[in-house]
């Protein structure tokens, strides 16, 4: 039997499950300006995936890389979800959100 498909599937499922709450927390504390962290980690993992000789591990790292790259778009969408009131906003960043609300309402 070949277990690599199940292993890769579980690992990618885990990486998506890890990235989703990380996007929420990063937007809460640092805002969308932290998108570059997702880019850097994603690119590093893409390069690492090319260098790893083990096929299964390379695939897992590649899946994690693209979960991180997907996180860039989710970071911007998360800010919109916060502005709509679907997620709590950080009280320390209230003025930032208000300035965006003023710009978009005009």
PDB file of N, CA and C in Angstrom:
ATOM      1  N   UNK A   1       0.832  -1.194   0.000  1.00  0.00           N
ATOM      2  CA  UNK A   1       0.000   0.000   0.000  1.00  0.00           C
ATOM      3  C   UNK A   1       0.873   1.252   0.000  1.00  0.00           C
ATOM      4  N   UNK A   2       0.317   2.303  -0.594  1.00  0.00           N
ATOM      5  CA  UNK A   2       1.025   3.574  -0.655  1.00  0.00           C
ATOM      6  C   UNK A   2       0.299   4.579   0.242  1.00  0.00           C
ATOM      7  N   UNK A   3       0.931   4.965   1.315  1.00  0.00           N
ATOM      8  CA  UNK A   3       0.329   5.875   2.280  1.00  0.00           C
ATOM      9  C   UNK A   3       0.661   7.340   2.020  1.00  0.00           C
ATOM     10  N   UNK A   4       1.484   7.636   1.042  1.00  0.00           N
ATOM     11  CA  UNK A   4       1.936   9.014   0.855  1.00  0.00           C
ATOM     12  C   UNK A   4       0.777   9.967   0.539  1.00  0.00           C
ATOM     13  N   UNK A   5      -0.214   9.530  -0.201  1.00  0.00           N
ATOM     14  CA  UNK A   5      -1.358  10.399  -0.504  1.00  0.00           C
ATOM     15  C   UNK A   5      -2.123  10.799   0.744  1.00  0.00           C
ATOM     16  N   UNK A   6      -2.336   9.834   1.635  1.00  0.00           N
ATOM     17  CA  UNK A   6      -3.035  10.122   2.890  1.00  0.00           C
ATOM     18  C   UNK A   6      -2.191  11.040   3.770  1.00  0.00           C
ATOM     19  N   UNK A   7      -0.895  10.796   3.802  1.00  0.00           N
ATOM     20  CA  UNK A   7       0.008  11.619   4.616  1.00  0.00           C
ATOM     21  C   UNK A   7       0.026  13.053   4.097  1.00  0.00           C
ATOM     22  N   UNK A   8       0.159  13.222   2.785  1.00  0.00           N
ATOM     23  CA  UNK A   8       0.172  14.568   2.192  1.00  0.00           C
ATOM     24  C   UNK A   8      -1.176  15.258   2.419  1.00  0.00           C
ATOM     25  N   UNK A   9      -2.258  14.543   2.205  1.00  0.00           N
ATOM     26  CA  UNK A   9      -3.587  15.131   2.420  1.00  0.00           C
ATOM     27  C   UNK A   9      -3.782  15.606   3.847  1.00  0.00           C
ATOM     28  N   UNK A  10      -3.371  14.788   4.800  1.00  0.00           N
ATOM     29  CA  UNK A  10      -3.500  15.169   6.208  1.00  0.00           C
ATOM     30  C   UNK A  10      -2.610  16.363   6.534  1.00  0.00           C
ATOM     31  N   UNK A  11      -1.410  16.386   5.979  1.00  0.00           N
ATOM     32  CA  UNK A  11      -0.490  17.493   6.253  1.00  0.00           C
ATOM     33  C   UNK A  11      -1.005  18.806   5.671  1.00  0.00           C
ATOM     34  N   UNK A  12      -1.540  18.754   4.464  1.00  0.00           N
ATOM     35  CA  UNK A  12      -2.078  19.974   3.852  1.00  0.00           C
ATOM     36  C   UNK A  12      -3.325  20.433   4.596  1.00  0.00           C
ATOM     37  N   UNK A  13      -4.163  19.492   4.999  1.00  0.00           N
ATOM     38  CA  UNK A  13      -5.328  19.833   5.812  1.00  0.00           C
ATOM     39  C   UNK A  13      -4.886  20.525   7.107  1.00  0.00           C
ATOM     40  N   UNK A  14      -3.850  19.995   7.737  1.00  0.00           N
ATOM     41  CA  UNK A  14      -3.309  20.593   8.958  1.00  0.00           C
ATOM     42  C   UNK A  14      -2.738  21.984   8.690  1.00  0.00           C
ATOM     43  N   UNK A  15      -2.046  22.156   7.562  1.00  0.00           N
ATOM     44  CA  UNK A  15      -1.457  23.471   7.279  1.00  0.00           C
ATOM     45  C   UNK A  15      -2.533  24.518   7.017  1.00  0.00           C
ATOM     46  N   UNK A  16      -3.606  24.127   6.349  1.00  0.00           N
ATOM     47  CA  UNK A  16      -4.723  25.056   6.142  1.00  0.00           C
ATOM     48  C   UNK A  16      -5.358  25.400   7.487  1.00  0.00           C
ATOM     49  N   UNK A  17      -5.521  24.390   8.327  1.00  0.00           N
ATOM     50  CA  UNK A  17      -6.065  24.618   9.663  1.00  0.00           C
ATOM     51  C   UNK A  17      -5.178  25.485  10.527  1.00  0.00           C
ATOM     52  N   UNK A  18      -3.891  25.471  10.271  1.00  0.00           N
ATOM     53  CA  UNK A  18      -2.948  26.314  11.001  1.00  0.00           C
ATOM     54  C   UNK A  18      -2.949  27.740  10.452  1.00  0.00           C
ATOM     55  N   UNK A  19      -3.017  27.870   9.145  1.00  0.00           N
ATOM     56  CA  UNK A  19      -2.941  29.195   8.517  1.00  0.00           C
ATOM     57  C   UNK A  19      -4.195  30.029   8.751  1.00  0.00           C
ATOM     58  N   UNK A  20      -5.356  29.420   8.763  1.00  0.00           N
ATOM     59  CA  UNK A  20      -6.600  30.178   8.921  1.00  0.00           C
ATOM     60  C   UNK A  20      -6.641  30.976  10.225  1.00  0.00           C
ATOM     61  N   UNK A  21      -6.441  30.355  11.390  1.00  0.00           N
ATOM     62  CA  UNK A  21      -6.441  31.166  12.610  1.00  0.00           C
ATOM     63  C   UNK A  21      -5.240  32.103  12.695  1.00  0.00           C
ATOM     64  N   UNK A  22      -4.133  31.751  12.053  1.00  0.00           N
ATOM     65  CA  UNK A  22      -2.969  32.642  12.062  1.00  0.00           C
ATOM     66  C   UNK A  22      -3.280  33.933  11.311  1.00  0.00           C
ATOM     67  N   UNK A  23      -4.000  33.838  10.195  1.00  0.00           N
ATOM     68  CA  UNK A  23      -4.412  35.035   9.456  1.00  0.00           C
ATOM     69  C   UNK A  23      -5.279  35.919  10.340  1.00  0.00           C
ATOM     70  N   UNK A  24      -6.213  35.333  11.036  1.00  0.00           N
ATOM     71  CA  UNK A  24      -7.121  36.092  11.902  1.00  0.00           C
ATOM     72  C   UNK A  24      -6.334  36.811  12.996  1.00  0.00           C
ATOM     73  N   UNK A  25      -5.427  36.102  13.653  1.00  0.00           N
ATOM     74  CA  UNK A  25      -4.637  36.699  14.730  1.00  0.00           C
ATOM     75  C   UNK A  25      -3.695  37.782  14.213  1.00  0.00           C
ATOM     76  N   UNK A  26      -3.047  37.521  13.080  1.00  0.00           N
ATOM     77  CA  UNK A  26      -2.122  38.513  12.544  1.00  0.00           C
ATOM     78  C   UNK A  26      -2.847  39.781  12.128  1.00  0.00           C
ATOM     79  N   UNK A  27      -4.016  39.638  11.524  1.00  0.00           N
ATOM     80  CA  UNK A  27      -4.774  40.838  11.154  1.00  0.00           C
ATOM     81  C   UNK A  27      -5.212  41.583  12.403  1.00  0.00           C
ATOM     82  N   UNK A  28      -5.595  40.868  13.431  1.00  0.00           N
ATOM     83  CA  UNK A  28      -6.062  41.494  14.669  1.00  0.00           C
ATOM     84  C   UNK A  28      -4.948  42.337  15.299  1.00  0.00           C
ATOM     85  N   UNK A  29      -3.743  41.785  15.377  1.00  0.00           N
ATOM     86  CA  UNK A  29      -2.659  42.474  16.073  1.00  0.00           C
ATOM     87  C   UNK A  29      -1.858  43.423  15.183  1.00  0.00           C
ATOM     88  N   UNK A  30      -1.632  43.062  13.915  1.00  0.00           N
ATOM     89  CA  UNK A  30      -0.754  43.868  13.064  1.00  0.00           C
ATOM     90  C   UNK A  30      -1.441  44.460  11.852  1.00  0.00           C
ATOM     91  N   UNK A  31      -2.637  44.022  11.550  1.00  0.00           N
ATOM     92  CA  UNK A  31      -3.337  44.523  10.372  1.00  0.00           C
ATOM     93  C   UNK A  31      -2.850  43.876   9.102  1.00  0.00           C
ATOM     94  N   UNK A  32      -3.391  44.360   8.003  1.00  0.00           N
ATOM     95  CA  UNK A  32      -3.067  43.735   6.715  1.00  0.00           C
ATOM     96  C   UNK A  32      -1.640  43.998   6.274  1.00  0.00           C
ATOM     97  N   UNK A  33      -0.974  44.938   6.931  1.00  0.00           N
ATOM     98  CA  UNK A  33       0.408  45.237   6.543  1.00  0.00           C
ATOM     99  C   UNK A  33       1.362  44.071   6.814  1.00  0.00           C
ATOM    100  N   UNK A  34       0.893  43.058   7.499  1.00  0.00           N
ATOM    101  CA  UNK A  34       1.730  41.881   7.758  1.00  0.00           C
ATOM    102  C   UNK A  34       1.647  40.849   6.638  1.00  0.00           C
ATOM    103  N   UNK A  35       1.063  41.213   5.506  1.00  0.00           N
ATOM    104  CA  UNK A  35       0.926  40.292   4.386  1.00  0.00           C
ATOM    105  C   UNK A  35       2.274  39.807   3.876  1.00  0.00           C
ATOM    106  N   UNK A  36       3.291  40.650   3.987  1.00  0.00           N
ATOM    107  CA  UNK A  36       4.614  40.294   3.474  1.00  0.00           C
ATOM    108  C   UNK A  36       5.215  39.101   4.210  1.00  0.00           C
ATOM    109  N   UNK A  37       4.801  38.871   5.467  1.00  0.00           N
ATOM    110  CA  UNK A  37       5.283  37.701   6.208  1.00  0.00           C
ATOM    111  C   UNK A  37       4.803  36.433   5.513  1.00  0.00           C
ATOM    112  N   UNK A  38       3.537  36.434   5.076  1.00  0.00           N
ATOM    113  CA  UNK A  38       2.992  35.291   4.353  1.00  0.00           C
ATOM    114  C   UNK A  38       3.753  35.077   3.047  1.00  0.00           C
ATOM    115  N   UNK A  39       4.083  36.176   2.369  1.00  0.00           N
ATOM    116  CA  UNK A  39       4.839  36.074   1.119  1.00  0.00           C
ATOM    117  C   UNK A  39       6.222  35.478   1.366  1.00  0.00           C
ATOM    118  N   UNK A  40       6.915  35.987   2.369  1.00  0.00           N
ATOM    119  CA  UNK A  40       8.267  35.510   2.660  1.00  0.00           C
ATOM    120  C   UNK A  40       8.270  34.032   3.027  1.00  0.00           C
ATOM    121  N   UNK A  41       7.380  33.631   3.928  1.00  0.00           N
ATOM    122  CA  UNK A  41       7.321  32.217   4.332  1.00  0.00           C
ATOM    123  C   UNK A  41       6.933  31.341   3.147  1.00  0.00           C
ATOM    124  N   UNK A  42       5.981  31.805   2.348  1.00  0.00           N
ATOM    125  CA  UNK A  42       5.561  31.033   1.179  1.00  0.00           C
ATOM    126  C   UNK A  42       6.689  30.839   0.180  1.00  0.00           C
ATOM    127  N   UNK A  43       7.434  31.905  -0.101  1.00  0.00           N
ATOM    128  CA  UNK A  43       8.539  31.788  -1.050  1.00  0.00           C
ATOM    129  C   UNK A  43       9.672  30.918  -0.508  1.00  0.00           C
ATOM    130  N   UNK A  44       9.980  31.066   0.769  1.00  0.00           N
ATOM    131  CA  UNK A  44      11.009  30.224   1.382  1.00  0.00           C
ATOM    132  C   UNK A  44      10.611  28.755   1.295  1.00  0.00           C
ATOM    133  N   UNK A  45       9.354  28.465   1.587  1.00  0.00           N
ATOM    134  CA  UNK A  45       8.893  27.073   1.522  1.00  0.00           C
ATOM    135  C   UNK A  45       8.865  26.554   0.089  1.00  0.00           C
ATOM    136  N   UNK A  46       8.571  27.423  -0.888  1.00  0.00           N
ATOM    137  CA  UNK A  46       8.618  27.000  -2.293  1.00  0.00           C
ATOM    138  C   UNK A  46      10.042  26.586  -2.671  1.00  0.00           C
ATOM    139  N   UNK A  47      11.004  27.395  -2.293  1.00  0.00           N
ATOM    140  CA  UNK A  47      12.399  27.078  -2.587  1.00  0.00           C
ATOM    141  C   UNK A  47      12.822  25.817  -1.853  1.00  0.00           C
ATOM    142  N   UNK A  48      12.440  25.723  -0.589  1.00  0.00           N
ATOM    143  CA  UNK A  48      12.781  24.544   0.208  1.00  0.00           C
ATOM    144  C   UNK A  48      12.176  23.277  -0.406  1.00  0.00           C
ATOM    145  N   UNK A  49      10.959  23.396  -0.917  1.00  0.00           N
ATOM    146  CA  UNK A  49      10.295  22.259  -1.542  1.00  0.00           C
ATOM    147  C   UNK A  49      11.072  21.758  -2.759  1.00  0.00           C
ATOM    148  N   UNK A  50      11.699  22.681  -3.471  1.00  0.00           N
ATOM    149  CA  UNK A  50      12.498  22.294  -4.636  1.00  0.00           C
ATOM    150  C   UNK A  50      13.795  21.587  -4.241  1.00  0.00           C
ATOM    151  N   UNK A  51      14.287  21.869  -3.045  1.00  0.00           N
ATOM    152  CA  UNK A  51      15.584  21.340  -2.621  1.00  0.00           C
ATOM    153  C   UNK A  51      15.504  20.024  -1.854  1.00  0.00           C
ATOM    154  N   UNK A  52      14.336  19.720  -1.305  1.00  0.00           N
ATOM    155  CA  UNK A  52      14.177  18.496  -0.509  1.00  0.00           C
ATOM    156  C   UNK A  52      14.093  17.290  -1.449  1.00  0.00           C
ATOM    157  N   UNK A  53      14.859  16.258  -1.171  1.00  0.00           N
ATOM    158  CA  UNK A  53      14.905  15.086  -2.050  1.00  0.00           C
ATOM    159  C   UNK A  53      13.738  14.132  -1.835  1.00  0.00           C
ATOM    160  N   UNK A  54      13.226  14.055  -0.630  1.00  0.00           N
ATOM    161  CA  UNK A  54      12.121  13.146  -0.337  1.00  0.00           C
ATOM    162  C   UNK A  54      10.841  13.682  -0.977  1.00  0.00           C
ATOM    163  N   UNK A  55      10.224  12.878  -1.833  1.00  0.00           N
ATOM    164  CA  UNK A  55       9.047  13.308  -2.594  1.00  0.00           C
ATOM    165  C   UNK A  55       7.872  13.700  -1.696  1.00  0.00           C
ATOM    166  N   UNK A  56       7.593  12.890  -0.704  1.00  0.00           N
ATOM    167  CA  UNK A  56       6.456  13.170   0.179  1.00  0.00           C
ATOM    168  C   UNK A  56       6.687  14.439   0.977  1.00  0.00           C
ATOM    169  N   UNK A  57       7.869  14.590   1.541  1.00  0.00           N
ATOM    170  CA  UNK A  57       8.179  15.791   2.323  1.00  0.00           C
ATOM    171  C   UNK A  57       8.186  17.033   1.442  1.00  0.00           C
ATOM    172  N   UNK A  58       8.718  16.908   0.227  1.00  0.00           N
ATOM    173  CA  UNK A  58       8.721  18.024  -0.708  1.00  0.00           C
ATOM    174  C   UNK A  58       7.297  18.467  -1.035  1.00  0.00           C
ATOM    175  N   UNK A  59       6.411  17.508  -1.218  1.00  0.00           N
ATOM    176  CA  UNK A  59       5.012  17.813  -1.522  1.00  0.00           C
ATOM    177  C   UNK A  59       4.333  18.486  -0.334  1.00  0.00           C
ATOM    178  N   UNK A  60       4.615  18.024   0.863  1.00  0.00           N
ATOM    179  CA  UNK A  60       4.038  18.624   2.064  1.00  0.00           C
ATOM    180  C   UNK A  60       4.504  20.065   2.214  1.00  0.00           C
ATOM    181  N   UNK A  61       5.794  20.296   2.025  1.00  0.00           N
ATOM    182  CA  UNK A  61       6.330  21.658   2.136  1.00  0.00           C
ATOM    183  C   UNK A  61       5.734  22.549   1.050  1.00  0.00           C
ATOM    184  N   UNK A  62       5.586  22.019  -0.158  1.00  0.00           N
ATOM    185  CA  UNK A  62       4.952  22.786  -1.234  1.00  0.00           C
ATOM    186  C   UNK A  62       3.506  23.126  -0.920  1.00  0.00           C
ATOM    187  N   UNK A  63       2.793  22.183  -0.343  1.00  0.00           N
ATOM    188  CA  UNK A  63       1.405  22.458   0.065  1.00  0.00           C
ATOM    189  C   UNK A  63       1.343  23.538   1.123  1.00  0.00           C
ATOM    190  N   UNK A  64       2.267  23.497   2.070  1.00  0.00           N
ATOM    191  CA  UNK A  64       2.316  24.536   3.097  1.00  0.00           C
ATOM    192  C   UNK A  64       2.680  25.879   2.477  1.00  0.00           C
ATOM    193  N   UNK A  65       3.583  25.873   1.498  1.00  0.00           N
ATOM    194  CA  UNK A  65       3.978  27.113   0.821  1.00  0.00           C
ATOM    195  C   UNK A  65       2.768  27.790   0.193  1.00  0.00           C
ATOM    196  N   UNK A  66       1.960  27.001  -0.494  1.00  0.00           N
ATOM    197  CA  UNK A  66       0.812  27.603  -1.169  1.00  0.00           C
ATOM    198  C   UNK A  66      -0.316  27.945  -0.198  1.00  0.00           C
ATOM    199  N   UNK A  67      -0.363  27.296   0.949  1.00  0.00           N
ATOM    200  CA  UNK A  67      -1.295  27.725   1.997  1.00  0.00           C
ATOM    201  C   UNK A  67      -0.889  29.101   2.504  1.00  0.00           C
ATOM    202  N   UNK A  68       0.412  29.318   2.637  1.00  0.00           N
ATOM    203  CA  UNK A  68       0.908  30.633   3.070  1.00  0.00           C
ATOM    204  C   UNK A  68       0.650  31.694   2.007  1.00  0.00           C
ATOM    205  N   UNK A  69       0.892  31.359   0.751  1.00  0.00           N
ATOM    206  CA  UNK A  69       0.635  32.324  -0.313  1.00  0.00           C
ATOM    207  C   UNK A  69      -0.860  32.656  -0.408  1.00  0.00           C
ATOM    208  N   UNK A  70      -1.706  31.687  -0.160  1.00  0.00           N
ATOM    209  CA  UNK A  70      -3.154  31.925  -0.122  1.00  0.00           C
ATOM    210  C   UNK A  70      -3.488  32.876   1.044  1.00  0.00           C
ATOM    211  N   UNK A  71      -2.705  32.788   2.109  1.00  0.00           N
ATOM    212  CA  UNK A  71      -2.916  33.643   3.278  1.00  0.00           C
ATOM    213  C   UNK A  71      -2.781  35.123   2.969  1.00  0.00           C
ATOM    214  N   UNK A  72      -2.043  35.477   1.915  1.00  0.00           N
ATOM    215  CA  UNK A  72      -1.907  36.889   1.534  1.00  0.00           C
ATOM    216  C   UNK A  72      -3.281  37.456   1.183  1.00  0.00           C
ATOM    217  N   UNK A  73      -3.986  36.767   0.318  1.00  0.00           N
ATOM    218  CA  UNK A  73      -5.327  37.221  -0.059  1.00  0.00           C
ATOM    219  C   UNK A  73      -6.289  37.205   1.113  1.00  0.00           C
ATOM    220  N   UNK A  74      -6.160  36.185   1.942  1.00  0.00           N
ATOM    221  CA  UNK A  74      -7.034  36.088   3.111  1.00  0.00           C
ATOM    222  C   UNK A  74      -6.794  37.218   4.102  1.00  0.00           C
ATOM    223  N   UNK A  75      -5.561  37.716   4.159  1.00  0.00           N
ATOM    224  CA  UNK A  75      -5.256  38.832   5.057  1.00  0.00           C
ATOM    225  C   UNK A  75      -6.077  40.060   4.672  1.00  0.00           C
ATOM    226  N   UNK A  76      -6.138  40.355   3.374  1.00  0.00           N
ATOM    227  CA  UNK A  76      -6.912  41.504   2.907  1.00  0.00           C
ATOM    228  C   UNK A  76      -8.419  41.262   3.074  1.00  0.00           C
ATOM    229  N   UNK A  77      -8.848  40.032   2.834  1.00  0.00           N
ATOM    230  CA  UNK A  77     -10.262  39.710   3.032  1.00  0.00           C
ATOM    231  C   UNK A  77     -10.639  39.766   4.507  1.00  0.00           C
ATOM    232  N   UNK A  78      -9.713  39.394   5.376  1.00  0.00           N
ATOM    233  CA  UNK A  78      -9.996  39.416   6.809  1.00  0.00           C
ATOM    234  C   UNK A  78     -10.242  40.842   7.279  1.00  0.00           C
ATOM    235  N   UNK A  79      -9.477  41.788   6.767  1.00  0.00           N
ATOM    236  CA  UNK A  79      -9.711  43.182   7.141  1.00  0.00           C
ATOM    237  C   UNK A  79     -11.118  43.606   6.729  1.00  0.00           C
ATOM    238  N   UNK A  80     -11.559  43.193   5.563  1.00  0.00           N
ATOM    239  CA  UNK A  80     -12.920  43.524   5.122  1.00  0.00           C
ATOM    240  C   UNK A  80     -13.961  42.860   6.023  1.00  0.00           C
ATOM    241  N   UNK A  81     -13.687  41.638   6.461  1.00  0.00           N
ATOM    242  CA  UNK A  81     -14.623  40.959   7.361  1.00  0.00           C
ATOM    243  C   UNK A  81     -14.699  41.683   8.698  1.00  0.00           C
ATOM    244  N   UNK A  82     -13.576  42.198   9.173  1.00  0.00           N
ATOM    245  CA  UNK A  82     -13.573  42.960  10.429  1.00  0.00           C
ATOM    246  C   UNK A  82     -14.369  44.251  10.250  1.00  0.00           C
ATOM    247  N   UNK A  83     -14.175  44.921   9.123  1.00  0.00           N
ATOM    248  CA  UNK A  83     -14.899  46.164   8.863  1.00  0.00           C
ATOM    249  C   UNK A  83     -16.408  45.941   8.766  1.00  0.00           C
ATOM    250  N   UNK A  84     -16.817  44.770   8.307  1.00  0.00           N
ATOM    251  CA  UNK A  84     -18.241  44.441   8.235  1.00  0.00           C
ATOM    252  C   UNK A  84     -18.807  44.031   9.593  1.00  0.00           C
ATOM    253  N   UNK A  85     -17.924  43.805  10.565  1.00  0.00           N
ATOM    254  CA  UNK A  85     -18.372  43.405  11.893  1.00  0.00           C
ATOM    255  C   UNK A  85     -18.484  41.905  12.076  1.00  0.00           C
ATOM    256  N   UNK A  86     -17.982  41.145  11.135  1.00  0.00           N
ATOM    257  CA  UNK A  86     -18.052  39.686  11.227  1.00  0.00           C
ATOM    258  C   UNK A  86     -17.027  39.129  12.194  1.00  0.00           C
ATOM    259  N   UNK A  87     -15.941  39.877  12.413  1.00  0.00           N
ATOM    260  CA  UNK A  87     -14.891  39.496  13.360  1.00  0.00           C
ATOM    261  C   UNK A  87     -14.612  40.697  14.249  1.00  0.00           C
ATOM    262  N   UNK A  88     -14.143  40.460  15.476  1.00  0.00           N
ATOM    263  CA  UNK A  88     -13.872  41.593  16.374  1.00  0.00           C
ATOM    264  C   UNK A  88     -12.664  42.391  15.900  1.00  0.00           C
ATOM    265  N   UNK A  89     -12.745  43.708  16.105  1.00  0.00           N
ATOM    266  CA  UNK A  89     -11.600  44.543  15.777  1.00  0.00           C
ATOM    267  C   UNK A  89     -10.761  44.777  17.025  1.00  0.00           C
ATOM    268  N   UNK A  90      -9.502  44.978  16.825  1.00  0.00           N
ATOM    269  CA  UNK A  90      -8.592  45.255  17.921  1.00  0.00           C
ATOM    270  C   UNK A  90      -8.863  46.677  18.417  1.00  0.00           C
ATOM    271  N   UNK A  91      -9.248  46.854  19.693  1.00  0.00           N
ATOM    272  CA  UNK A  91      -9.541  48.200  20.199  1.00  0.00           C
ATOM    273  C   UNK A  91      -8.354  49.153  20.061  1.00  0.00           C
ATOM    274  N   UNK A  92      -7.152  48.633  20.109  1.00  0.00           N
ATOM    275  CA  UNK A  92      -5.963  49.471  19.969  1.00  0.00           C
ATOM    276  C   UNK A  92      -5.831  50.019  18.547  1.00  0.00           C
ATOM    277  N   UNK A  93      -6.526  49.415  17.594  1.00  0.00           N
ATOM    278  CA  UNK A  93      -6.458  49.839  16.196  1.00  0.00           C
ATOM    279  C   UNK A  93      -7.792  50.423  15.710  1.00  0.00           C
ATOM    280  N   UNK A  94      -8.627  50.853  16.648  1.00  0.00           N
ATOM    281  CA  UNK A  94      -9.961  51.357  16.304  1.00  0.00           C
ATOM    282  C   UNK A  94      -9.892  52.557  15.353  1.00  0.00           C
ATOM    283  N   UNK A  95      -8.975  53.482  15.599  1.00  0.00           N
ATOM    284  CA  UNK A  95      -8.879  54.673  14.743  1.00  0.00           C
ATOM    285  C   UNK A  95      -8.511  54.298  13.310  1.00  0.00           C
ATOM    286  N   UNK A  96      -7.689  53.276  13.163  1.00  0.00           N
ATOM    287  CA  UNK A  96      -7.333  52.796  11.825  1.00  0.00           C
ATOM    288  C   UNK A  96      -8.576  52.315  11.084  1.00  0.00           C
ATOM    289  N   UNK A  97      -9.385  51.502  11.744  1.00  0.00           N
ATOM    290  CA  UNK A  97     -10.606  50.991  11.118  1.00  0.00           C
ATOM    291  C   UNK A  97     -11.589  52.121  10.818  1.00  0.00           C
ATOM    292  N   UNK A  98     -11.684  53.078  11.720  1.00  0.00           N
ATOM    293  CA  UNK A  98     -12.595  54.202  11.502  1.00  0.00           C
ATOM    294  C   UNK A  98     -12.161  55.032  10.298  1.00  0.00           C
ATOM    295  N   UNK A  99     -10.862  55.217  10.125  1.00  0.00           N
ATOM    296  CA  UNK A  99     -10.399  55.986   8.970  1.00  0.00           C
ATOM    297  C   UNK A  99     -10.747  55.266   7.662  1.00  0.00           C
ATOM    298  N   UNK A 100     -10.677  53.950   7.668  1.00  0.00           N
ATOM    299  CA  UNK A 100     -11.062  53.194   6.466  1.00  0.00           C
ATOM    300  C   UNK A 100     -12.570  53.308   6.235  1.00  0.00           C
ATOM    301  N   UNK A 101     -13.335  53.221   7.311  1.00  0.00           N
ATOM    302  CA  UNK A 101     -14.792  53.347   7.170  1.00  0.00           C
ATOM    303  C   UNK A 101     -15.171  54.715   6.606  1.00  0.00           C
ATOM    304  N   UNK A 102     -14.495  55.768   7.059  1.00  0.00           N
ATOM    305  CA  UNK A 102     -14.774  57.115   6.551  1.00  0.00           C
ATOM    306  C   UNK A 102     -14.428  57.235   5.074  1.00  0.00           C
ATOM    307  N   UNK A 103     -13.299  56.661   4.675  1.00  0.00           N
ATOM    308  CA  UNK A 103     -12.884  56.728   3.270  1.00  0.00           C
ATOM    309  C   UNK A 103     -13.858  55.978   2.364  1.00  0.00           C
ATOM    310  N   UNK A 104     -14.323  54.824   2.809  1.00  0.00           N
ATOM    311  CA  UNK A 104     -15.192  54.004   1.958  1.00  0.00           C
ATOM    312  C   UNK A 104     -16.635  54.494   1.950  1.00  0.00           C
ATOM    313  N   UNK A 105     -17.048  55.245   2.965  1.00  0.00           N
ATOM    314  CA  UNK A 105     -18.434  55.705   3.008  1.00  0.00           C
ATOM    315  C   UNK A 105     -18.653  56.963   2.179  1.00  0.00           C
ATOM    316  N   UNK A 106     -17.602  57.627   1.794  1.00  0.00           N
ATOM    317  CA  UNK A 106     -17.741  58.890   1.036  1.00  0.00           C
ATOM    318  C   UNK A 106     -17.987  58.634  -0.423  1.00  0.00           C
TER     319      UNK A 106
END
